[in-house]
C-alpha cells in the first residue's frame, strides 16, 4: 500500500476503532473521504489529516467546524 494511503484496517488501528465503525461511517457519509476502486477502499492520508483537523477540540462541549461553518456535530 502506498505510504500516502491507509486501508480501513490501518485507519481503524490509528484511531482505535473497529473497521465496522468505518464501514458504518461510509454508509452514512459521516467519516473522512475515501477512494473505492475495483471494490478496494483506501483513505488518502491528506483526507484523514483534514478530517482530524476538522474535529479538534479543547473541551467536550466545543463546537466543530464542518465545511468552515461552526456547529454541533450530529451523530
PDB file of N, CA and C in Angstrom:
ATOM      1  N   UNK A   1       0.857  -1.188   0.000  1.00  0.00           N
ATOM      2  CA  UNK A   1       0.000   0.000   0.000  1.00  0.00           C
ATOM      3  C   UNK A   1       0.895   1.240   0.000  1.00  0.00           C
ATOM      4  N   UNK A   2       0.543   2.197  -0.814  1.00  0.00           N
ATOM      5  CA  UNK A   2       1.317   3.436  -0.879  1.00  0.00           C
ATOM      6  C   UNK A   2       1.323   4.123   0.478  1.00  0.00           C
ATOM      7  N   UNK A   3       2.409   4.807   0.790  1.00  0.00           N
ATOM      8  CA  UNK A   3       2.548   5.426   2.109  1.00  0.00           C
ATOM      9  C   UNK A   3       1.595   6.601   2.312  1.00  0.00           C
ATOM     10  N   UNK A   4       0.995   7.109   1.245  1.00  0.00           N
ATOM     11  CA  UNK A   4       0.060   8.220   1.396  1.00  0.00           C
ATOM     12  C   UNK A   4      -1.394   7.744   1.441  1.00  0.00           C
ATOM     13  N   UNK A   5      -1.573   6.443   1.619  1.00  0.00           N
ATOM     14  CA  UNK A   5      -2.925   5.875   1.716  1.00  0.00           C
ATOM     15  C   UNK A   5      -2.995   4.898   2.882  1.00  0.00           C
ATOM     16  N   UNK A   6      -4.195   4.797   3.464  1.00  0.00           N
ATOM     17  CA  UNK A   6      -4.418   3.850   4.561  1.00  0.00           C
ATOM     18  C   UNK A   6      -5.559   2.918   4.194  1.00  0.00           C
ATOM     19  N   UNK A   7      -5.419   1.659   4.540  1.00  0.00           N
ATOM     20  CA  UNK A   7      -6.532   0.728   4.400  1.00  0.00           C
ATOM     21  C   UNK A   7      -7.496   0.973   5.557  1.00  0.00           C
ATOM     22  N   UNK A   8      -8.732   0.479   5.457  1.00  0.00           N
ATOM     23  CA  UNK A   8      -9.643   0.602   6.604  1.00  0.00           C
ATOM     24  C   UNK A   8      -9.041   0.014   7.878  1.00  0.00           C
ATOM     25  N   UNK A   9      -8.328  -1.098   7.759  1.00  0.00           N
ATOM     26  CA  UNK A   9      -7.711  -1.711   8.940  1.00  0.00           C
ATOM     27  C   UNK A   9      -6.661  -0.784   9.553  1.00  0.00           C
ATOM     28  N   UNK A  10      -5.834  -0.173   8.707  1.00  0.00           N
ATOM     29  CA  UNK A  10      -4.803   0.737   9.208  1.00  0.00           C
ATOM     30  C   UNK A  10      -5.413   1.969   9.873  1.00  0.00           C
ATOM     31  N   UNK A  11      -6.472   2.518   9.271  1.00  0.00           N
ATOM     32  CA  UNK A  11      -7.119   3.687   9.859  1.00  0.00           C
ATOM     33  C   UNK A  11      -7.809   3.320  11.169  1.00  0.00           C
ATOM     34  N   UNK A  12      -8.450   2.162  11.204  1.00  0.00           N
ATOM     35  CA  UNK A  12      -9.098   1.714  12.443  1.00  0.00           C
ATOM     36  C   UNK A  12      -8.067   1.580  13.564  1.00  0.00           C
ATOM     37  N   UNK A  13      -6.905   1.046  13.249  1.00  0.00           N
ATOM     38  CA  UNK A  13      -5.842   0.919  14.253  1.00  0.00           C
ATOM     39  C   UNK A  13      -5.346   2.297  14.686  1.00  0.00           C
ATOM     40  N   UNK A  14      -5.212   3.206  13.751  1.00  0.00           N
ATOM     41  CA  UNK A  14      -4.743   4.564  14.060  1.00  0.00           C
ATOM     42  C   UNK A  14      -5.685   5.247  15.038  1.00  0.00           C
ATOM     43  N   UNK A  15      -6.987   5.068  14.855  1.00  0.00           N
ATOM     44  CA  UNK A  15      -7.986   5.743  15.684  1.00  0.00           C
ATOM     45  C   UNK A  15      -8.539   4.871  16.817  1.00  0.00           C
ATOM     46  N   UNK A  16      -8.055   3.662  16.954  1.00  0.00           N
ATOM     47  CA  UNK A  16      -8.529   2.725  17.988  1.00  0.00           C
ATOM     48  C   UNK A  16     -10.039   2.515  17.907  1.00  0.00           C
ATOM     49  N   UNK A  17     -10.505   2.296  16.682  1.00  0.00           N
ATOM     50  CA  UNK A  17     -11.908   1.965  16.442  1.00  0.00           C
ATOM     51  C   UNK A  17     -11.943   0.690  15.597  1.00  0.00           C
ATOM     52  N   UNK A  18     -13.132   0.193  15.317  1.00  0.00           N
ATOM     53  CA  UNK A  18     -13.240  -1.014  14.507  1.00  0.00           C
ATOM     54  C   UNK A  18     -13.428  -0.659  13.035  1.00  0.00           C
ATOM     55  N   UNK A  19     -13.114  -1.619  12.191  1.00  0.00           N
ATOM     56  CA  UNK A  19     -13.381  -1.429  10.766  1.00  0.00           C
ATOM     57  C   UNK A  19     -14.889  -1.349  10.522  1.00  0.00           C
ATOM     58  N   UNK A  20     -15.664  -1.959  11.396  1.00  0.00           N
ATOM     59  CA  UNK A  20     -17.129  -1.871  11.285  1.00  0.00           C
ATOM     60  C   UNK A  20     -17.607  -0.439  11.498  1.00  0.00           C
ATOM     61  N   UNK A  21     -16.966   0.286  12.404  1.00  0.00           N
ATOM     62  CA  UNK A  21     -17.311   1.697  12.610  1.00  0.00           C
ATOM     63  C   UNK A  21     -17.030   2.488  11.341  1.00  0.00           C
ATOM     64  N   UNK A  22     -15.889   2.241  10.724  1.00  0.00           N
ATOM     65  CA  UNK A  22     -15.566   2.924   9.471  1.00  0.00           C
ATOM     66  C   UNK A  22     -16.581   2.581   8.383  1.00  0.00           C
ATOM     67  N   UNK A  23     -16.979   1.332   8.324  1.00  0.00           N
ATOM     68  CA  UNK A  23     -17.980   0.922   7.336  1.00  0.00           C
ATOM     69  C   UNK A  23     -19.297   1.652   7.582  1.00  0.00           C
ATOM     70  N   UNK A  24     -19.698   1.738   8.843  1.00  0.00           N
ATOM     71  CA  UNK A  24     -20.925   2.462   9.191  1.00  0.00           C
ATOM     72  C   UNK A  24     -20.810   3.927   8.783  1.00  0.00           C
ATOM     73  N   UNK A  25     -19.693   4.555   9.060  1.00  0.00           N
ATOM     74  CA  UNK A  25     -19.489   5.959   8.691  1.00  0.00           C
ATOM     75  C   UNK A  25     -19.548   6.144   7.180  1.00  0.00           C
ATOM     76  N   UNK A  26     -18.946   5.198   6.415  1.00  0.00           N
ATOM     77  CA  UNK A  26     -19.014   5.306   4.950  1.00  0.00           C
ATOM     78  C   UNK A  26     -20.460   5.207   4.489  1.00  0.00           C
ATOM     79  N   UNK A  27     -21.202   4.283   5.029  1.00  0.00           N
ATOM     80  CA  UNK A  27     -22.598   4.069   4.659  1.00  0.00           C
ATOM     81  C   UNK A  27     -23.441   5.315   4.945  1.00  0.00           C
ATOM     82  N   UNK A  28     -23.108   6.011   6.035  1.00  0.00           N
ATOM     83  CA  UNK A  28     -23.876   7.179   6.454  1.00  0.00           C
ATOM     84  C   UNK A  28     -23.183   8.506   6.150  1.00  0.00           C
ATOM     85  N   UNK A  29     -22.132   8.465   5.354  1.00  0.00           N
ATOM     86  CA  UNK A  29     -21.392   9.664   4.948  1.00  0.00           C
ATOM     87  C   UNK A  29     -20.956  10.507   6.153  1.00  0.00           C
ATOM     88  N   UNK A  30     -20.434   9.864   7.185  1.00  0.00           N
ATOM     89  CA  UNK A  30     -20.020  10.557   8.412  1.00  0.00           C
ATOM     90  C   UNK A  30     -18.514  10.684   8.560  1.00  0.00           C
ATOM     91  N   UNK A  31     -17.746   9.815   7.941  1.00  0.00           N
ATOM     92  CA  UNK A  31     -16.311   9.788   8.158  1.00  0.00           C
ATOM     93  C   UNK A  31     -15.545  10.570   7.119  1.00  0.00           C
ATOM     94  N   UNK A  32     -14.237  10.334   7.060  1.00  0.00           N
ATOM     95  CA  UNK A  32     -13.405  11.035   6.081  1.00  0.00           C
ATOM     96  C   UNK A  32     -13.696  10.548   4.667  1.00  0.00           C
ATOM     97  N   UNK A  33     -13.313  11.365   3.687  1.00  0.00           N
ATOM     98  CA  UNK A  33     -13.436  10.955   2.292  1.00  0.00           C
ATOM     99  C   UNK A  33     -12.615   9.694   2.065  1.00  0.00           C
ATOM    100  N   UNK A  34     -13.036   8.893   1.101  1.00  0.00           N
ATOM    101  CA  UNK A  34     -12.299   7.678   0.778  1.00  0.00           C
ATOM    102  C   UNK A  34     -12.374   7.423  -0.719  1.00  0.00           C
ATOM    103  N   UNK A  35     -11.516   6.538  -1.193  1.00  0.00           N
ATOM    104  CA  UNK A  35     -11.486   6.143  -2.593  1.00  0.00           C
ATOM    105  C   UNK A  35     -11.887   4.680  -2.662  1.00  0.00           C
ATOM    106  N   UNK A  36     -12.768   4.362  -3.626  1.00  0.00           N
ATOM    107  CA  UNK A  36     -13.135   2.964  -3.846  1.00  0.00           C
ATOM    108  C   UNK A  36     -12.952   2.665  -5.326  1.00  0.00           C
ATOM    109  N   UNK A  37     -11.990   1.786  -5.600  1.00  0.00           N
ATOM    110  CA  UNK A  37     -11.706   1.389  -6.976  1.00  0.00           C
ATOM    111  C   UNK A  37     -11.626  -0.125  -7.045  1.00  0.00           C
ATOM    112  N   UNK A  38     -12.394  -0.696  -7.967  1.00  0.00           N
ATOM    113  CA  UNK A  38     -12.413  -2.155  -8.129  1.00  0.00           C
ATOM    114  C   UNK A  38     -12.737  -2.859  -6.819  1.00  0.00           C
ATOM    115  N   UNK A  39     -13.595  -2.246  -6.012  1.00  0.00           N
ATOM    116  CA  UNK A  39     -14.022  -2.850  -4.762  1.00  0.00           C
ATOM    117  C   UNK A  39     -13.054  -2.675  -3.599  1.00  0.00           C
ATOM    118  N   UNK A  40     -11.941  -1.991  -3.829  1.00  0.00           N
ATOM    119  CA  UNK A  40     -10.936  -1.778  -2.783  1.00  0.00           C
ATOM    120  C   UNK A  40     -11.096  -0.367  -2.229  1.00  0.00           C
ATOM    121  N   UNK A  41     -11.185  -0.259  -0.900  1.00  0.00           N
ATOM    122  CA  UNK A  41     -11.350   1.030  -0.238  1.00  0.00           C
ATOM    123  C   UNK A  41     -10.033   1.451   0.385  1.00  0.00           C
ATOM    124  N   UNK A  42      -9.649   2.697   0.120  1.00  0.00           N
ATOM    125  CA  UNK A  42      -8.472   3.284   0.768  1.00  0.00           C
ATOM    126  C   UNK A  42      -8.808   4.715   1.170  1.00  0.00           C
ATOM    127  N   UNK A  43      -8.116   5.178   2.188  1.00  0.00           N
ATOM    128  CA  UNK A  43      -8.253   6.554   2.672  1.00  0.00           C
ATOM    129  C   UNK A  43      -6.954   7.288   2.352  1.00  0.00           C
ATOM    130  N   UNK A  44      -7.062   8.420   1.657  1.00  0.00           N
ATOM    131  CA  UNK A  44      -5.877   9.226   1.396  1.00  0.00           C
ATOM    132  C   UNK A  44      -5.470   9.908   2.694  1.00  0.00           C
ATOM    133  N   UNK A  45      -4.182   9.900   2.977  1.00  0.00           N
ATOM    134  CA  UNK A  45      -3.677  10.469   4.220  1.00  0.00           C
ATOM    135  C   UNK A  45      -4.058  11.942   4.347  1.00  0.00           C
ATOM    136  N   UNK A  46      -4.059  12.678   3.250  1.00  0.00           N
ATOM    137  CA  UNK A  46      -4.431  14.096   3.298  1.00  0.00           C
ATOM    138  C   UNK A  46      -5.885  14.273   3.738  1.00  0.00           C
ATOM    139  N   UNK A  47      -6.776  13.350   3.347  1.00  0.00           N
ATOM    140  CA  UNK A  47      -8.177  13.436   3.772  1.00  0.00           C
ATOM    141  C   UNK A  47      -8.347  13.053   5.237  1.00  0.00           C
ATOM    142  N   UNK A  48      -7.570  12.074   5.689  1.00  0.00           N
ATOM    143  CA  UNK A  48      -7.598  11.677   7.099  1.00  0.00           C
ATOM    144  C   UNK A  48      -7.098  12.829   7.961  1.00  0.00           C
ATOM    145  N   UNK A  49      -5.985  13.447   7.546  1.00  0.00           N
ATOM    146  CA  UNK A  49      -5.439  14.586   8.296  1.00  0.00           C
ATOM    147  C   UNK A  49      -6.455  15.730   8.361  1.00  0.00           C
ATOM    148  N   UNK A  50      -7.110  16.016   7.243  1.00  0.00           N
ATOM    149  CA  UNK A  50      -8.112  17.080   7.209  1.00  0.00           C
ATOM    150  C   UNK A  50      -9.282  16.766   8.131  1.00  0.00           C
ATOM    151  N   UNK A  51      -9.749  15.528   8.111  1.00  0.00           N
ATOM    152  CA  UNK A  51     -10.850  15.103   8.976  1.00  0.00           C
ATOM    153  C   UNK A  51     -10.474  15.284  10.446  1.00  0.00           C
ATOM    154  N   UNK A  52      -9.240  14.906  10.789  1.00  0.00           N
ATOM    155  CA  UNK A  52      -8.772  15.068  12.164  1.00  0.00           C
ATOM    156  C   UNK A  52      -8.728  16.543  12.544  1.00  0.00           C
ATOM    157  N   UNK A  53      -8.229  17.393  11.654  1.00  0.00           N
ATOM    158  CA  UNK A  53      -8.168  18.829  11.936  1.00  0.00           C
ATOM    159  C   UNK A  53      -9.559  19.417  12.154  1.00  0.00           C
ATOM    160  N   UNK A  54     -10.527  18.954  11.381  1.00  0.00           N
ATOM    161  CA  UNK A  54     -11.895  19.469  11.496  1.00  0.00           C
ATOM    162  C   UNK A  54     -12.571  19.037  12.798  1.00  0.00           C
ATOM    163  N   UNK A  55     -11.987  18.050  13.483  1.00  0.00           N
ATOM    164  CA  UNK A  55     -12.594  17.541  14.713  1.00  0.00           C
ATOM    165  C   UNK A  55     -11.759  17.829  15.958  1.00  0.00           C
ATOM    166  N   UNK A  56     -10.828  18.776  15.837  1.00  0.00           N
ATOM    167  CA  UNK A  56     -10.044  19.176  17.009  1.00  0.00           C
ATOM    168  C   UNK A  56     -10.933  19.912  18.006  1.00  0.00           C
ATOM    169  N   UNK A  57     -10.710  19.651  19.284  1.00  0.00           N
ATOM    170  CA  UNK A  57     -11.485  20.301  20.338  1.00  0.00           C
ATOM    171  C   UNK A  57     -10.584  20.608  21.519  1.00  0.00           C
ATOM    172  N   UNK A  58     -10.964  21.622  22.271  1.00  0.00           N
ATOM    173  CA  UNK A  58     -10.294  21.920  23.539  1.00  0.00           C
ATOM    174  C   UNK A  58     -11.134  21.423  24.713  1.00  0.00           C
ATOM    175  N   UNK A  59     -12.418  21.262  24.481  1.00  0.00           N
ATOM    176  CA  UNK A  59     -13.350  20.883  25.536  1.00  0.00           C
ATOM    177  C   UNK A  59     -14.444  20.019  24.909  1.00  0.00           C
ATOM    178  N   UNK A  60     -15.021  19.125  25.684  1.00  0.00           N
ATOM    179  CA  UNK A  60     -16.040  18.228  25.134  1.00  0.00           C
ATOM    180  C   UNK A  60     -17.273  18.966  24.628  1.00  0.00           C
ATOM    181  N   UNK A  61     -17.523  20.167  25.121  1.00  0.00           N
ATOM    182  CA  UNK A  61     -18.694  20.925  24.688  1.00  0.00           C
ATOM    183  C   UNK A  61     -18.396  21.824  23.483  1.00  0.00           C
ATOM    184  N   UNK A  62     -17.145  21.825  23.023  1.00  0.00           N
ATOM    185  CA  UNK A  62     -16.787  22.660  21.882  1.00  0.00           C
ATOM    186  C   UNK A  62     -17.565  22.260  20.634  1.00  0.00           C
ATOM    187  N   UNK A  63     -17.855  23.271  19.822  1.00  0.00           N
ATOM    188  CA  UNK A  63     -18.439  23.024  18.515  1.00  0.00           C
ATOM    189  C   UNK A  63     -17.328  22.614  17.554  1.00  0.00           C
ATOM    190  N   UNK A  64     -17.717  21.987  16.455  1.00  0.00           N
ATOM    191  CA  UNK A  64     -16.757  21.626  15.423  1.00  0.00           C
ATOM    192  C   UNK A  64     -17.020  22.471  14.187  1.00  0.00           C
ATOM    193  N   UNK A  65     -16.005  22.600  13.355  1.00  0.00           N
ATOM    194  CA  UNK A  65     -16.179  23.288  12.077  1.00  0.00           C
ATOM    195  C   UNK A  65     -16.432  22.239  11.005  1.00  0.00           C
ATOM    196  N   UNK A  66     -17.544  22.379  10.305  1.00  0.00           N
ATOM    197  CA  UNK A  66     -17.863  21.489   9.199  1.00  0.00           C
ATOM    198  C   UNK A  66     -17.997  22.356   7.967  1.00  0.00           C
ATOM    199  N   UNK A  67     -17.109  22.148   7.010  1.00  0.00           N
ATOM    200  CA  UNK A  67     -17.067  22.973   5.798  1.00  0.00           C
ATOM    201  C   UNK A  67     -16.987  24.448   6.143  1.00  0.00           C
ATOM    202  N   UNK A  68     -16.204  24.773   7.180  1.00  0.00           N
ATOM    203  CA  UNK A  68     -15.995  26.159   7.553  1.00  0.00           C
ATOM    204  C   UNK A  68     -17.106  26.788   8.360  1.00  0.00           C
ATOM    205  N   UNK A  69     -18.147  26.006   8.699  1.00  0.00           N
ATOM    206  CA  UNK A  69     -19.281  26.539   9.459  1.00  0.00           C
ATOM    207  C   UNK A  69     -19.287  25.892  10.839  1.00  0.00           C
ATOM    208  N   UNK A  70     -19.384  26.721  11.881  1.00  0.00           N
ATOM    209  CA  UNK A  70     -19.376  26.210  13.244  1.00  0.00           C
ATOM    210  C   UNK A  70     -20.741  25.621  13.586  1.00  0.00           C
ATOM    211  N   UNK A  71     -20.725  24.470  14.243  1.00  0.00           N
ATOM    212  CA  UNK A  71     -21.981  23.857  14.646  1.00  0.00           C
ATOM    213  C   UNK A  71     -21.730  22.602  15.440  1.00  0.00           C
ATOM    214  N   UNK A  72     -22.764  22.077  16.058  1.00  0.00           N
ATOM    215  CA  UNK A  72     -22.657  20.826  16.797  1.00  0.00           C
ATOM    216  C   UNK A  72     -22.613  19.664  15.815  1.00  0.00           C
ATOM    217  N   UNK A  73     -21.781  18.680  16.118  1.00  0.00           N
ATOM    218  CA  UNK A  73     -21.698  17.515  15.253  1.00  0.00           C
ATOM    219  C   UNK A  73     -22.872  16.598  15.515  1.00  0.00           C
ATOM    220  N   UNK A  74     -23.522  16.168  14.457  1.00  0.00           N
ATOM    221  CA  UNK A  74     -24.649  15.245  14.599  1.00  0.00           C
ATOM    222  C   UNK A  74     -24.132  13.837  14.433  1.00  0.00           C
ATOM    223  N   UNK A  75     -24.632  12.942  15.271  1.00  0.00           N
ATOM    224  CA  UNK A  75     -24.230  11.543  15.182  1.00  0.00           C
ATOM    225  C   UNK A  75     -25.316  10.712  14.593  1.00  0.00           C
TER     226      UNK A  75
END
